[in-house]
Protein backbone atom coordinates (compact mmCIF):
# COMPACT_ATOMS: atom_id res chain seq x y z
CA UNK A 1 0.00 0.00 0.00
CA UNK A 2 1.20 3.53 -0.79
CA UNK A 3 0.35 7.04 0.32
CA UNK A 4 -1.82 7.64 -2.72
CA UNK A 5 -4.50 10.26 -3.42
CA UNK A 6 -7.22 8.04 -1.96
CA UNK A 7 -5.43 7.60 1.36
CA UNK A 8 -4.57 11.31 1.55
CA UNK A 9 -8.23 12.15 0.93
CA UNK A 10 -9.14 9.77 3.75
CA UNK A 11 -6.67 11.57 6.02
CA UNK A 12 -8.26 14.92 5.22
CA UNK A 13 -11.72 13.56 5.97
CA UNK A 14 -10.65 12.30 9.39
CA UNK A 15 -8.93 15.52 10.45
CA UNK A 16 -11.81 17.71 9.29
CA UNK A 17 -14.30 15.57 11.21
CA UNK A 18 -12.46 15.32 14.51
CA UNK A 19 -10.80 18.77 14.60
CA UNK A 20 -12.85 21.41 12.74
CA UNK A 21 -10.19 23.93 13.80
CA UNK A 22 -7.90 22.29 11.25
CA UNK A 23 -10.26 22.56 8.30
CA UNK A 24 -8.12 23.52 5.32
CA UNK A 25 -4.96 21.88 6.66
CA UNK A 26 -2.61 20.56 3.99
CA UNK A 27 -1.69 16.87 4.28
CA UNK A 28 1.14 15.93 1.95
CA UNK A 29 3.92 13.32 1.56
CA UNK A 30 7.46 14.41 2.38
CA UNK A 31 8.44 14.04 -1.28
CA UNK A 32 6.70 17.38 -1.88
CA UNK A 33 9.56 19.11 -0.04
CA UNK A 34 12.45 17.15 -1.52
CA UNK A 35 15.63 19.22 -1.49
CA UNK A 36 14.59 21.46 1.41
CA UNK A 37 15.91 21.26 4.97
CA UNK A 38 13.38 19.10 6.81
CA UNK A 39 13.45 16.96 10.00
CA UNK A 40 15.39 13.74 9.32
CA UNK A 41 14.52 10.19 10.36
CA UNK A 42 10.93 10.80 11.36
CA UNK A 43 7.56 9.37 10.36
CA UNK A 44 5.95 12.77 10.02
CA UNK A 45 6.05 16.38 11.14
CA UNK A 46 3.84 19.46 11.26
CA UNK A 47 4.48 22.96 9.95
CA UNK A 48 2.63 25.87 11.53
CA UNK A 49 1.18 28.60 9.33
CA UNK A 50 3.76 31.20 10.40
CA UNK A 51 6.58 28.94 9.19
CA UNK A 52 5.30 28.71 5.61
CA UNK A 53 8.26 30.29 3.84
CA UNK A 54 8.33 30.98 0.10
CA UNK A 55 9.96 27.67 -0.82
CA UNK A 56 7.43 25.69 1.25
CA UNK A 57 4.30 27.55 0.17
CA UNK A 58 5.02 27.28 -3.54
CA UNK A 59 5.01 23.47 -3.30
CA UNK A 60 1.56 23.30 -1.71
CA UNK A 61 -1.66 22.85 -3.72
CA UNK A 62 -2.76 26.41 -2.90
CA UNK A 63 0.22 28.74 -2.95
CA UNK A 64 -1.64 31.54 -1.16
CA UNK A 65 -2.96 29.40 1.68
CA UNK A 66 -2.29 30.29 5.31
CA UNK A 67 -3.25 26.81 6.51
CA UNK A 68 -0.80 24.64 8.46
CA UNK A 69 0.73 21.50 7.00
CA UNK A 70 0.94 17.87 8.11
CA UNK A 71 3.76 16.04 6.37
CA UNK A 72 3.71 12.24 6.26
CA UNK A 73 6.88 10.24 5.55
CA UNK A 74 5.69 6.97 3.97
CA UNK A 75 9.13 5.33 3.73
CA UNK A 76 9.77 5.80 7.46
CA UNK A 77 6.24 4.66 8.32
CA UNK A 78 6.69 1.55 6.17
CA UNK A 79 9.98 0.73 7.92
CA UNK A 80 8.16 0.72 11.26
CA UNK A 81 5.23 -1.41 10.11
CA UNK A 82 4.38 -4.39 7.97
CA UNK A 83 2.62 -4.01 4.62
CA UNK A 84 -0.68 -4.91 6.26
CA UNK A 85 -0.17 -2.30 8.97
CA UNK A 86 0.94 0.60 6.74
CA UNK A 87 -2.47 2.25 6.78
CA UNK A 88 -2.63 1.99 10.58
CA UNK A 89 0.81 3.57 10.77
CA UNK A 90 -0.32 6.48 8.61
CA UNK A 91 -3.38 7.03 10.81
CA UNK A 92 -1.39 7.09 14.06
CA UNK A 93 1.17 9.54 12.61
CA UNK A 94 -1.66 11.69 11.24
CA UNK A 95 -3.29 12.09 14.67
CA UNK A 96 0.08 12.65 16.35
CA UNK A 97 0.94 15.51 13.99
CA UNK A 98 -2.56 16.98 14.11
CA UNK A 99 -2.19 17.24 17.90
CA UNK A 100 0.88 19.44 17.36
CA UNK A 101 -1.24 21.97 15.47
CA UNK A 102 -3.82 22.33 18.24
CA UNK A 103 -5.31 24.19 19.97
CA UNK A 104 -6.21 26.96 17.55
CA UNK A 105 -9.30 29.17 17.13
CA UNK A 106 -12.01 27.90 14.81
CA UNK A 107 -11.58 29.83 11.57
CA UNK A 108 -14.36 32.34 11.00
CA UNK A 109 -13.71 32.37 7.27
CA UNK A 110 -10.99 32.33 4.65
CA UNK A 111 -8.27 34.86 5.42
CA UNK A 112 -6.11 36.29 2.68
CA UNK A 113 -2.45 36.15 3.71
CA UNK A 114 -0.32 39.30 3.52
CA UNK A 115 1.69 39.62 0.32
CA UNK A 116 5.39 39.31 1.03
CA UNK A 117 6.31 38.38 -2.54
CA UNK A 118 8.38 41.57 -2.85
CA UNK A 119 10.84 40.02 -0.38
CA UNK A 120 11.27 36.85 -2.42
CA UNK A 121 14.79 36.46 -3.79
CA UNK A 122 17.58 33.86 -3.77
CA UNK A 123 19.37 35.44 -0.80
CA UNK A 124 16.23 35.50 1.37
CA UNK A 125 15.39 31.89 0.47
CA UNK A 126 18.92 30.74 1.33
CA UNK A 127 18.78 32.54 4.67
CA UNK A 128 15.36 31.07 5.52
CA UNK A 129 16.54 27.56 4.66
CA UNK A 130 19.64 28.05 6.83
CA UNK A 131 17.52 29.21 9.76
CA UNK A 132 15.15 26.26 9.31
CA UNK A 133 18.09 23.81 9.32
CA UNK A 134 19.41 25.35 12.57
CA UNK A 135 15.97 25.20 14.18
CA UNK A 136 15.60 21.52 13.25
CA UNK A 137 18.95 20.75 14.88
CA UNK A 138 17.98 22.30 18.22
CA UNK A 139 17.34 19.77 21.02
CA UNK A 140 13.73 19.27 22.03
CA UNK A 141 12.73 20.96 25.31
CA UNK A 142 12.25 18.73 28.35
CA UNK A 143 8.72 17.29 28.63
CA UNK A 144 7.91 19.43 31.67
CA UNK A 145 9.15 22.68 30.12
CA UNK A 146 6.64 25.46 29.49
CA UNK A 147 7.33 25.19 25.75
CA UNK A 148 7.41 21.37 25.71
CA UNK A 149 6.68 19.89 22.29
CA UNK A 150 5.68 16.53 23.77
CA UNK A 151 4.31 17.47 27.17
CA UNK A 152 1.13 16.47 28.98
CA UNK A 153 -0.97 18.95 26.99
CA UNK A 154 0.08 17.30 23.75
CA UNK A 155 -0.57 13.88 25.26
CA UNK A 156 -4.07 14.96 26.24
CA UNK A 157 -4.82 16.34 22.77
CA UNK A 158 -3.74 13.23 20.92
CA UNK A 159 -5.93 11.05 23.15
CA UNK A 160 -8.92 13.28 22.37
CA UNK A 161 -8.21 13.02 18.64
CA UNK A 162 -7.98 9.24 18.82
CA UNK A 163 -11.23 8.99 20.80
CA UNK A 164 -13.08 11.22 18.35
CA UNK A 165 -11.84 9.20 15.41
CA UNK A 166 -13.07 5.97 16.99
CA UNK A 167 -16.43 7.51 17.93
CA UNK A 168 -16.81 8.64 14.31
CA UNK A 169 -16.34 5.05 13.14
CA UNK A 170 -12.70 5.01 12.02
CA UNK A 171 -10.59 2.06 13.10
CA UNK A 172 -7.51 3.89 14.32
CA UNK A 173 -5.14 1.90 16.58
CA UNK A 174 -3.65 3.38 19.73
CA UNK A 175 -0.26 1.85 18.92
CA UNK A 176 2.13 4.45 17.54
CA UNK A 177 0.10 7.48 18.62
CA UNK A 178 2.83 8.77 20.92
CA UNK A 179 5.80 8.03 18.69
CA UNK A 180 9.31 7.56 20.05
CA UNK A 181 9.32 10.76 22.09
CA UNK A 182 7.32 9.17 24.90
CA UNK A 183 9.63 6.18 25.47
CA UNK A 184 9.37 6.76 29.24
CA UNK A 185 5.55 6.68 29.33
CA UNK A 186 2.92 4.00 29.80
CA UNK A 187 1.29 2.50 26.73
CA UNK A 188 -1.16 4.64 24.81
CA UNK A 189 -4.23 2.71 25.96
CA UNK A 190 -3.43 3.51 29.61
CA UNK A 191 -3.50 7.24 28.89
CA UNK A 192 -6.79 6.90 27.05
CA UNK A 193 -8.33 5.12 30.04
CA UNK A 194 -7.09 7.80 32.45
CA UNK A 195 -8.97 10.38 30.37
CA UNK A 196 -12.00 8.24 29.58
CA UNK A 197 -14.72 10.31 31.29
CA UNK A 198 -13.30 13.52 29.84
CA UNK A 199 -13.04 12.08 26.33
CA UNK A 200 -16.78 11.40 26.37
CA UNK A 201 -17.84 14.57 28.16
CA UNK A 202 -15.80 16.94 25.97
CA UNK A 203 -16.17 15.10 22.66
CA UNK A 204 -17.85 18.12 21.03
CA UNK A 205 -15.71 20.81 22.66
CA UNK A 206 -13.10 22.80 20.79
CA UNK A 207 -9.51 22.14 21.78
CA UNK A 208 -9.27 25.65 23.19
CA UNK A 209 -12.18 24.77 25.46
CA UNK A 210 -10.56 21.48 26.44
CA UNK A 211 -7.32 23.18 27.42
CA UNK A 212 -9.20 25.69 29.55
CA UNK A 213 -10.39 22.86 31.83
CA UNK A 214 -8.43 20.99 34.48
CA UNK A 215 -7.37 17.49 33.36
CA UNK A 216 -8.42 14.46 35.44
CA UNK A 217 -6.33 13.81 38.55
CA UNK A 218 -5.58 10.24 37.45
CA UNK A 219 -4.12 11.53 34.19
CA UNK A 220 -1.87 14.06 35.91
CA UNK A 221 -0.79 11.48 38.48
CA UNK A 222 0.30 9.20 35.64
CA UNK A 223 2.13 12.11 34.04
CA UNK A 224 4.08 12.88 37.22
CA UNK A 225 5.08 9.23 37.46
CA UNK A 226 6.20 9.31 33.81
CA UNK A 227 8.30 12.41 34.46
CA UNK A 228 9.98 10.67 37.38
CA UNK A 229 10.89 7.83 35.05
CA UNK A 230 12.20 10.28 32.43
CA UNK A 231 14.53 12.05 34.86
CA UNK A 232 15.58 8.82 36.57
CA UNK A 233 16.83 7.42 33.26
CA UNK A 234 18.55 10.72 32.46
CA UNK A 235 20.18 10.74 35.86
CA UNK A 236 18.84 14.20 36.73
CA UNK A 237 16.31 15.58 39.17
CA UNK A 238 13.08 17.43 38.41
C-alpha atoms as a PDB file:
ATOM      1  CA  UNK A   1       0.000   0.000   0.000  1.00  0.00           C
ATOM      2  CA  UNK A   2       1.200   3.528  -0.789  1.00  0.00           C
ATOM      3  CA  UNK A   3       0.355   7.042   0.317  1.00  0.00           C
ATOM      4  CA  UNK A   4      -1.823   7.644  -2.725  1.00  0.00           C
ATOM      5  CA  UNK A   5      -4.503  10.256  -3.420  1.00  0.00           C
ATOM      6  CA  UNK A   6      -7.222   8.040  -1.962  1.00  0.00           C
ATOM      7  CA  UNK A   7      -5.434   7.599   1.364  1.00  0.00           C
ATOM      8  CA  UNK A   8      -4.568  11.312   1.547  1.00  0.00           C
ATOM      9  CA  UNK A   9      -8.227  12.154   0.928  1.00  0.00           C
ATOM     10  CA  UNK A  10      -9.142   9.769   3.749  1.00  0.00           C
ATOM     11  CA  UNK A  11      -6.666  11.570   6.020  1.00  0.00           C
ATOM     12  CA  UNK A  12      -8.264  14.921   5.216  1.00  0.00           C
ATOM     13  CA  UNK A  13     -11.725  13.560   5.969  1.00  0.00           C
ATOM     14  CA  UNK A  14     -10.654  12.295   9.394  1.00  0.00           C
ATOM     15  CA  UNK A  15      -8.929  15.516  10.451  1.00  0.00           C
ATOM     16  CA  UNK A  16     -11.812  17.709   9.286  1.00  0.00           C
ATOM     17  CA  UNK A  17     -14.296  15.569  11.206  1.00  0.00           C
ATOM     18  CA  UNK A  18     -12.459  15.322  14.515  1.00  0.00           C
ATOM     19  CA  UNK A  19     -10.805  18.774  14.597  1.00  0.00           C
ATOM     20  CA  UNK A  20     -12.848  21.412  12.738  1.00  0.00           C
ATOM     21  CA  UNK A  21     -10.194  23.926  13.800  1.00  0.00           C
ATOM     22  CA  UNK A  22      -7.896  22.289  11.250  1.00  0.00           C
ATOM     23  CA  UNK A  23     -10.260  22.558   8.298  1.00  0.00           C
ATOM     24  CA  UNK A  24      -8.124  23.518   5.324  1.00  0.00           C
ATOM     25  CA  UNK A  25      -4.960  21.875   6.661  1.00  0.00           C
ATOM     26  CA  UNK A  26      -2.613  20.560   3.989  1.00  0.00           C
ATOM     27  CA  UNK A  27      -1.694  16.871   4.281  1.00  0.00           C
ATOM     28  CA  UNK A  28       1.143  15.932   1.950  1.00  0.00           C
ATOM     29  CA  UNK A  29       3.917  13.324   1.563  1.00  0.00           C
ATOM     30  CA  UNK A  30       7.457  14.415   2.382  1.00  0.00           C
ATOM     31  CA  UNK A  31       8.444  14.035  -1.283  1.00  0.00           C
ATOM     32  CA  UNK A  32       6.703  17.381  -1.883  1.00  0.00           C
ATOM     33  CA  UNK A  33       9.558  19.113  -0.042  1.00  0.00           C
ATOM     34  CA  UNK A  34      12.449  17.155  -1.523  1.00  0.00           C
ATOM     35  CA  UNK A  35      15.629  19.221  -1.486  1.00  0.00           C
ATOM     36  CA  UNK A  36      14.589  21.459   1.414  1.00  0.00           C
ATOM     37  CA  UNK A  37      15.905  21.262   4.973  1.00  0.00           C
ATOM     38  CA  UNK A  38      13.380  19.102   6.807  1.00  0.00           C
ATOM     39  CA  UNK A  39      13.449  16.956  10.000  1.00  0.00           C
ATOM     40  CA  UNK A  40      15.389  13.735   9.317  1.00  0.00           C
ATOM     41  CA  UNK A  41      14.517  10.188  10.357  1.00  0.00           C
ATOM     42  CA  UNK A  42      10.927  10.800  11.362  1.00  0.00           C
ATOM     43  CA  UNK A  43       7.559   9.372  10.362  1.00  0.00           C
ATOM     44  CA  UNK A  44       5.947  12.773  10.024  1.00  0.00           C
ATOM     45  CA  UNK A  45       6.046  16.383  11.143  1.00  0.00           C
ATOM     46  CA  UNK A  46       3.843  19.463  11.263  1.00  0.00           C
ATOM     47  CA  UNK A  47       4.478  22.964   9.949  1.00  0.00           C
ATOM     48  CA  UNK A  48       2.634  25.868  11.532  1.00  0.00           C
ATOM     49  CA  UNK A  49       1.184  28.603   9.332  1.00  0.00           C
ATOM     50  CA  UNK A  50       3.757  31.195  10.400  1.00  0.00           C
ATOM     51  CA  UNK A  51       6.577  28.937   9.186  1.00  0.00           C
ATOM     52  CA  UNK A  52       5.301  28.707   5.606  1.00  0.00           C
ATOM     53  CA  UNK A  53       8.258  30.291   3.838  1.00  0.00           C
ATOM     54  CA  UNK A  54       8.326  30.979   0.096  1.00  0.00           C
ATOM     55  CA  UNK A  55       9.955  27.672  -0.821  1.00  0.00           C
ATOM     56  CA  UNK A  56       7.428  25.690   1.254  1.00  0.00           C
ATOM     57  CA  UNK A  57       4.303  27.553   0.172  1.00  0.00           C
ATOM     58  CA  UNK A  58       5.021  27.278  -3.544  1.00  0.00           C
ATOM     59  CA  UNK A  59       5.009  23.472  -3.302  1.00  0.00           C
ATOM     60  CA  UNK A  60       1.563  23.305  -1.711  1.00  0.00           C
ATOM     61  CA  UNK A  61      -1.657  22.849  -3.718  1.00  0.00           C
ATOM     62  CA  UNK A  62      -2.759  26.409  -2.896  1.00  0.00           C
ATOM     63  CA  UNK A  63       0.222  28.742  -2.951  1.00  0.00           C
ATOM     64  CA  UNK A  64      -1.637  31.539  -1.162  1.00  0.00           C
ATOM     65  CA  UNK A  65      -2.956  29.397   1.681  1.00  0.00           C
ATOM     66  CA  UNK A  66      -2.286  30.292   5.312  1.00  0.00           C
ATOM     67  CA  UNK A  67      -3.254  26.813   6.510  1.00  0.00           C
ATOM     68  CA  UNK A  68      -0.796  24.645   8.460  1.00  0.00           C
ATOM     69  CA  UNK A  69       0.725  21.497   7.003  1.00  0.00           C
ATOM     70  CA  UNK A  70       0.938  17.866   8.113  1.00  0.00           C
ATOM     71  CA  UNK A  71       3.761  16.045   6.372  1.00  0.00           C
ATOM     72  CA  UNK A  72       3.710  12.238   6.259  1.00  0.00           C
ATOM     73  CA  UNK A  73       6.883  10.244   5.550  1.00  0.00           C
ATOM     74  CA  UNK A  74       5.685   6.968   3.968  1.00  0.00           C
ATOM     75  CA  UNK A  75       9.128   5.333   3.729  1.00  0.00           C
ATOM     76  CA  UNK A  76       9.772   5.805   7.459  1.00  0.00           C
ATOM     77  CA  UNK A  77       6.243   4.664   8.316  1.00  0.00           C
ATOM     78  CA  UNK A  78       6.694   1.552   6.171  1.00  0.00           C
ATOM     79  CA  UNK A  79       9.983   0.732   7.920  1.00  0.00           C
ATOM     80  CA  UNK A  80       8.165   0.719  11.262  1.00  0.00           C
ATOM     81  CA  UNK A  81       5.229  -1.407  10.112  1.00  0.00           C
ATOM     82  CA  UNK A  82       4.380  -4.394   7.967  1.00  0.00           C
ATOM     83  CA  UNK A  83       2.620  -4.009   4.622  1.00  0.00           C
ATOM     84  CA  UNK A  84      -0.682  -4.913   6.263  1.00  0.00           C
ATOM     85  CA  UNK A  85      -0.175  -2.297   8.971  1.00  0.00           C
ATOM     86  CA  UNK A  86       0.942   0.597   6.745  1.00  0.00           C
ATOM     87  CA  UNK A  87      -2.473   2.252   6.778  1.00  0.00           C
ATOM     88  CA  UNK A  88      -2.633   1.988  10.584  1.00  0.00           C
ATOM     89  CA  UNK A  89       0.806   3.569  10.770  1.00  0.00           C
ATOM     90  CA  UNK A  90      -0.315   6.478   8.612  1.00  0.00           C
ATOM     91  CA  UNK A  91      -3.382   7.029  10.808  1.00  0.00           C
ATOM     92  CA  UNK A  92      -1.390   7.092  14.055  1.00  0.00           C
ATOM     93  CA  UNK A  93       1.166   9.541  12.606  1.00  0.00           C
ATOM     94  CA  UNK A  94      -1.663  11.686  11.238  1.00  0.00           C
ATOM     95  CA  UNK A  95      -3.285  12.089  14.668  1.00  0.00           C
ATOM     96  CA  UNK A  96       0.080  12.652  16.346  1.00  0.00           C
ATOM     97  CA  UNK A  97       0.940  15.509  13.989  1.00  0.00           C
ATOM     98  CA  UNK A  98      -2.557  16.982  14.109  1.00  0.00           C
ATOM     99  CA  UNK A  99      -2.187  17.237  17.896  1.00  0.00           C
ATOM    100  CA  UNK A 100       0.884  19.438  17.365  1.00  0.00           C
ATOM    101  CA  UNK A 101      -1.238  21.970  15.470  1.00  0.00           C
ATOM    102  CA  UNK A 102      -3.816  22.326  18.236  1.00  0.00           C
ATOM    103  CA  UNK A 103      -5.307  24.190  19.968  1.00  0.00           C
ATOM    104  CA  UNK A 104      -6.211  26.958  17.547  1.00  0.00           C
ATOM    105  CA  UNK A 105      -9.297  29.172  17.133  1.00  0.00           C
ATOM    106  CA  UNK A 106     -12.011  27.904  14.806  1.00  0.00           C
ATOM    107  CA  UNK A 107     -11.577  29.828  11.567  1.00  0.00           C
ATOM    108  CA  UNK A 108     -14.360  32.339  10.999  1.00  0.00           C
ATOM    109  CA  UNK A 109     -13.714  32.365   7.272  1.00  0.00           C
ATOM    110  CA  UNK A 110     -10.988  32.334   4.651  1.00  0.00           C
ATOM    111  CA  UNK A 111      -8.272  34.855   5.423  1.00  0.00           C
ATOM    112  CA  UNK A 112      -6.110  36.289   2.682  1.00  0.00           C
ATOM    113  CA  UNK A 113      -2.452  36.148   3.710  1.00  0.00           C
ATOM    114  CA  UNK A 114      -0.321  39.302   3.524  1.00  0.00           C
ATOM    115  CA  UNK A 115       1.685  39.619   0.322  1.00  0.00           C
ATOM    116  CA  UNK A 116       5.393  39.309   1.033  1.00  0.00           C
ATOM    117  CA  UNK A 117       6.311  38.382  -2.537  1.00  0.00           C
ATOM    118  CA  UNK A 118       8.378  41.568  -2.855  1.00  0.00           C
ATOM    119  CA  UNK A 119      10.838  40.016  -0.376  1.00  0.00           C
ATOM    120  CA  UNK A 120      11.274  36.847  -2.424  1.00  0.00           C
ATOM    121  CA  UNK A 121      14.793  36.459  -3.787  1.00  0.00           C
ATOM    122  CA  UNK A 122      17.584  33.859  -3.772  1.00  0.00           C
ATOM    123  CA  UNK A 123      19.373  35.441  -0.797  1.00  0.00           C
ATOM    124  CA  UNK A 124      16.232  35.496   1.367  1.00  0.00           C
ATOM    125  CA  UNK A 125      15.394  31.891   0.468  1.00  0.00           C
ATOM    126  CA  UNK A 126      18.922  30.740   1.325  1.00  0.00           C
ATOM    127  CA  UNK A 127      18.778  32.544   4.673  1.00  0.00           C
ATOM    128  CA  UNK A 128      15.365  31.071   5.520  1.00  0.00           C
ATOM    129  CA  UNK A 129      16.542  27.555   4.656  1.00  0.00           C
ATOM    130  CA  UNK A 130      19.638  28.054   6.830  1.00  0.00           C
ATOM    131  CA  UNK A 131      17.518  29.212   9.759  1.00  0.00           C
ATOM    132  CA  UNK A 132      15.153  26.257   9.309  1.00  0.00           C
ATOM    133  CA  UNK A 133      18.087  23.811   9.323  1.00  0.00           C
ATOM    134  CA  UNK A 134      19.414  25.347  12.571  1.00  0.00           C
ATOM    135  CA  UNK A 135      15.971  25.201  14.179  1.00  0.00           C
ATOM    136  CA  UNK A 136      15.602  21.524  13.249  1.00  0.00           C
ATOM    137  CA  UNK A 137      18.953  20.747  14.881  1.00  0.00           C
ATOM    138  CA  UNK A 138      17.979  22.297  18.224  1.00  0.00           C
ATOM    139  CA  UNK A 139      17.341  19.767  21.024  1.00  0.00           C
ATOM    140  CA  UNK A 140      13.733  19.268  22.031  1.00  0.00           C
ATOM    141  CA  UNK A 141      12.727  20.964  25.312  1.00  0.00           C
ATOM    142  CA  UNK A 142      12.249  18.727  28.350  1.00  0.00           C
ATOM    143  CA  UNK A 143       8.724  17.294  28.629  1.00  0.00           C
ATOM    144  CA  UNK A 144       7.906  19.427  31.671  1.00  0.00           C
ATOM    145  CA  UNK A 145       9.152  22.682  30.119  1.00  0.00           C
ATOM    146  CA  UNK A 146       6.643  25.462  29.491  1.00  0.00           C
ATOM    147  CA  UNK A 147       7.326  25.190  25.748  1.00  0.00           C
ATOM    148  CA  UNK A 148       7.408  21.374  25.707  1.00  0.00           C
ATOM    149  CA  UNK A 149       6.683  19.894  22.288  1.00  0.00           C
ATOM    150  CA  UNK A 150       5.682  16.529  23.766  1.00  0.00           C
ATOM    151  CA  UNK A 151       4.314  17.471  27.171  1.00  0.00           C
ATOM    152  CA  UNK A 152       1.131  16.471  28.977  1.00  0.00           C
ATOM    153  CA  UNK A 153      -0.972  18.951  26.987  1.00  0.00           C
ATOM    154  CA  UNK A 154       0.084  17.301  23.748  1.00  0.00           C
ATOM    155  CA  UNK A 155      -0.571  13.880  25.257  1.00  0.00           C
ATOM    156  CA  UNK A 156      -4.073  14.955  26.242  1.00  0.00           C
ATOM    157  CA  UNK A 157      -4.821  16.339  22.770  1.00  0.00           C
ATOM    158  CA  UNK A 158      -3.737  13.225  20.917  1.00  0.00           C
ATOM    159  CA  UNK A 159      -5.926  11.049  23.145  1.00  0.00           C
ATOM    160  CA  UNK A 160      -8.919  13.277  22.368  1.00  0.00           C
ATOM    161  CA  UNK A 161      -8.211  13.023  18.643  1.00  0.00           C
ATOM    162  CA  UNK A 162      -7.981   9.243  18.821  1.00  0.00           C
ATOM    163  CA  UNK A 163     -11.227   8.993  20.803  1.00  0.00           C
ATOM    164  CA  UNK A 164     -13.080  11.220  18.346  1.00  0.00           C
ATOM    165  CA  UNK A 165     -11.836   9.200  15.407  1.00  0.00           C
ATOM    166  CA  UNK A 166     -13.072   5.974  16.994  1.00  0.00           C
ATOM    167  CA  UNK A 167     -16.430   7.515  17.927  1.00  0.00           C
ATOM    168  CA  UNK A 168     -16.809   8.636  14.305  1.00  0.00           C
ATOM    169  CA  UNK A 169     -16.342   5.053  13.137  1.00  0.00           C
ATOM    170  CA  UNK A 170     -12.704   5.011  12.017  1.00  0.00           C
ATOM    171  CA  UNK A 171     -10.592   2.055  13.101  1.00  0.00           C
ATOM    172  CA  UNK A 172      -7.505   3.890  14.318  1.00  0.00           C
ATOM    173  CA  UNK A 173      -5.144   1.903  16.582  1.00  0.00           C
ATOM    174  CA  UNK A 174      -3.646   3.381  19.730  1.00  0.00           C
ATOM    175  CA  UNK A 175      -0.258   1.851  18.919  1.00  0.00           C
ATOM    176  CA  UNK A 176       2.129   4.452  17.542  1.00  0.00           C
ATOM    177  CA  UNK A 177       0.100   7.484  18.617  1.00  0.00           C
ATOM    178  CA  UNK A 178       2.830   8.774  20.918  1.00  0.00           C
ATOM    179  CA  UNK A 179       5.797   8.030  18.689  1.00  0.00           C
ATOM    180  CA  UNK A 180       9.306   7.557  20.046  1.00  0.00           C
ATOM    181  CA  UNK A 181       9.320  10.764  22.090  1.00  0.00           C
ATOM    182  CA  UNK A 182       7.318   9.170  24.900  1.00  0.00           C
ATOM    183  CA  UNK A 183       9.631   6.177  25.471  1.00  0.00           C
ATOM    184  CA  UNK A 184       9.369   6.763  29.238  1.00  0.00           C
ATOM    185  CA  UNK A 185       5.547   6.678  29.326  1.00  0.00           C
ATOM    186  CA  UNK A 186       2.921   4.003  29.797  1.00  0.00           C
ATOM    187  CA  UNK A 187       1.291   2.499  26.732  1.00  0.00           C
ATOM    188  CA  UNK A 188      -1.157   4.642  24.807  1.00  0.00           C
ATOM    189  CA  UNK A 189      -4.230   2.712  25.958  1.00  0.00           C
ATOM    190  CA  UNK A 190      -3.432   3.507  29.612  1.00  0.00           C
ATOM    191  CA  UNK A 191      -3.497   7.243  28.887  1.00  0.00           C
ATOM    192  CA  UNK A 192      -6.791   6.901  27.050  1.00  0.00           C
ATOM    193  CA  UNK A 193      -8.329   5.122  30.038  1.00  0.00           C
ATOM    194  CA  UNK A 194      -7.086   7.796  32.454  1.00  0.00           C
ATOM    195  CA  UNK A 195      -8.971  10.378  30.371  1.00  0.00           C
ATOM    196  CA  UNK A 196     -12.000   8.242  29.582  1.00  0.00           C
ATOM    197  CA  UNK A 197     -14.722  10.314  31.291  1.00  0.00           C
ATOM    198  CA  UNK A 198     -13.299  13.522  29.845  1.00  0.00           C
ATOM    199  CA  UNK A 199     -13.045  12.078  26.334  1.00  0.00           C
ATOM    200  CA  UNK A 200     -16.784  11.400  26.367  1.00  0.00           C
ATOM    201  CA  UNK A 201     -17.841  14.572  28.159  1.00  0.00           C
ATOM    202  CA  UNK A 202     -15.797  16.941  25.969  1.00  0.00           C
ATOM    203  CA  UNK A 203     -16.167  15.097  22.663  1.00  0.00           C
ATOM    204  CA  UNK A 204     -17.846  18.119  21.031  1.00  0.00           C
ATOM    205  CA  UNK A 205     -15.714  20.811  22.664  1.00  0.00           C
ATOM    206  CA  UNK A 206     -13.102  22.801  20.793  1.00  0.00           C
ATOM    207  CA  UNK A 207      -9.512  22.138  21.776  1.00  0.00           C
ATOM    208  CA  UNK A 208      -9.272  25.653  23.189  1.00  0.00           C
ATOM    209  CA  UNK A 209     -12.176  24.768  25.461  1.00  0.00           C
ATOM    210  CA  UNK A 210     -10.556  21.476  26.437  1.00  0.00           C
ATOM    211  CA  UNK A 211      -7.319  23.182  27.419  1.00  0.00           C
ATOM    212  CA  UNK A 212      -9.201  25.693  29.551  1.00  0.00           C
ATOM    213  CA  UNK A 213     -10.392  22.855  31.833  1.00  0.00           C
ATOM    214  CA  UNK A 214      -8.432  20.990  34.479  1.00  0.00           C
ATOM    215  CA  UNK A 215      -7.370  17.490  33.356  1.00  0.00           C
ATOM    216  CA  UNK A 216      -8.423  14.459  35.437  1.00  0.00           C
ATOM    217  CA  UNK A 217      -6.325  13.813  38.547  1.00  0.00           C
ATOM    218  CA  UNK A 218      -5.577  10.239  37.448  1.00  0.00           C
ATOM    219  CA  UNK A 219      -4.121  11.529  34.190  1.00  0.00           C
ATOM    220  CA  UNK A 220      -1.870  14.064  35.914  1.00  0.00           C
ATOM    221  CA  UNK A 221      -0.786  11.477  38.482  1.00  0.00           C
ATOM    222  CA  UNK A 222       0.303   9.195  35.642  1.00  0.00           C
ATOM    223  CA  UNK A 223       2.130  12.112  34.041  1.00  0.00           C
ATOM    224  CA  UNK A 224       4.082  12.884  37.220  1.00  0.00           C
ATOM    225  CA  UNK A 225       5.084   9.229  37.456  1.00  0.00           C
ATOM    226  CA  UNK A 226       6.199   9.311  33.806  1.00  0.00           C
ATOM    227  CA  UNK A 227       8.301  12.411  34.459  1.00  0.00           C
ATOM    228  CA  UNK A 228       9.982  10.675  37.381  1.00  0.00           C
ATOM    229  CA  UNK A 229      10.893   7.828  35.051  1.00  0.00           C
ATOM    230  CA  UNK A 230      12.199  10.281  32.433  1.00  0.00           C
ATOM    231  CA  UNK A 231      14.527  12.046  34.860  1.00  0.00           C
ATOM    232  CA  UNK A 232      15.584   8.823  36.574  1.00  0.00           C
ATOM    233  CA  UNK A 233      16.832   7.417  33.258  1.00  0.00           C
ATOM    234  CA  UNK A 234      18.551  10.719  32.458  1.00  0.00           C
ATOM    235  CA  UNK A 235      20.182  10.741  35.858  1.00  0.00           C
ATOM    236  CA  UNK A 236      18.842  14.195  36.734  1.00  0.00           C
ATOM    237  CA  UNK A 237      16.312  15.585  39.171  1.00  0.00           C
ATOM    238  CA  UNK A 238      13.079  17.426  38.409  1.00  0.00           C
END
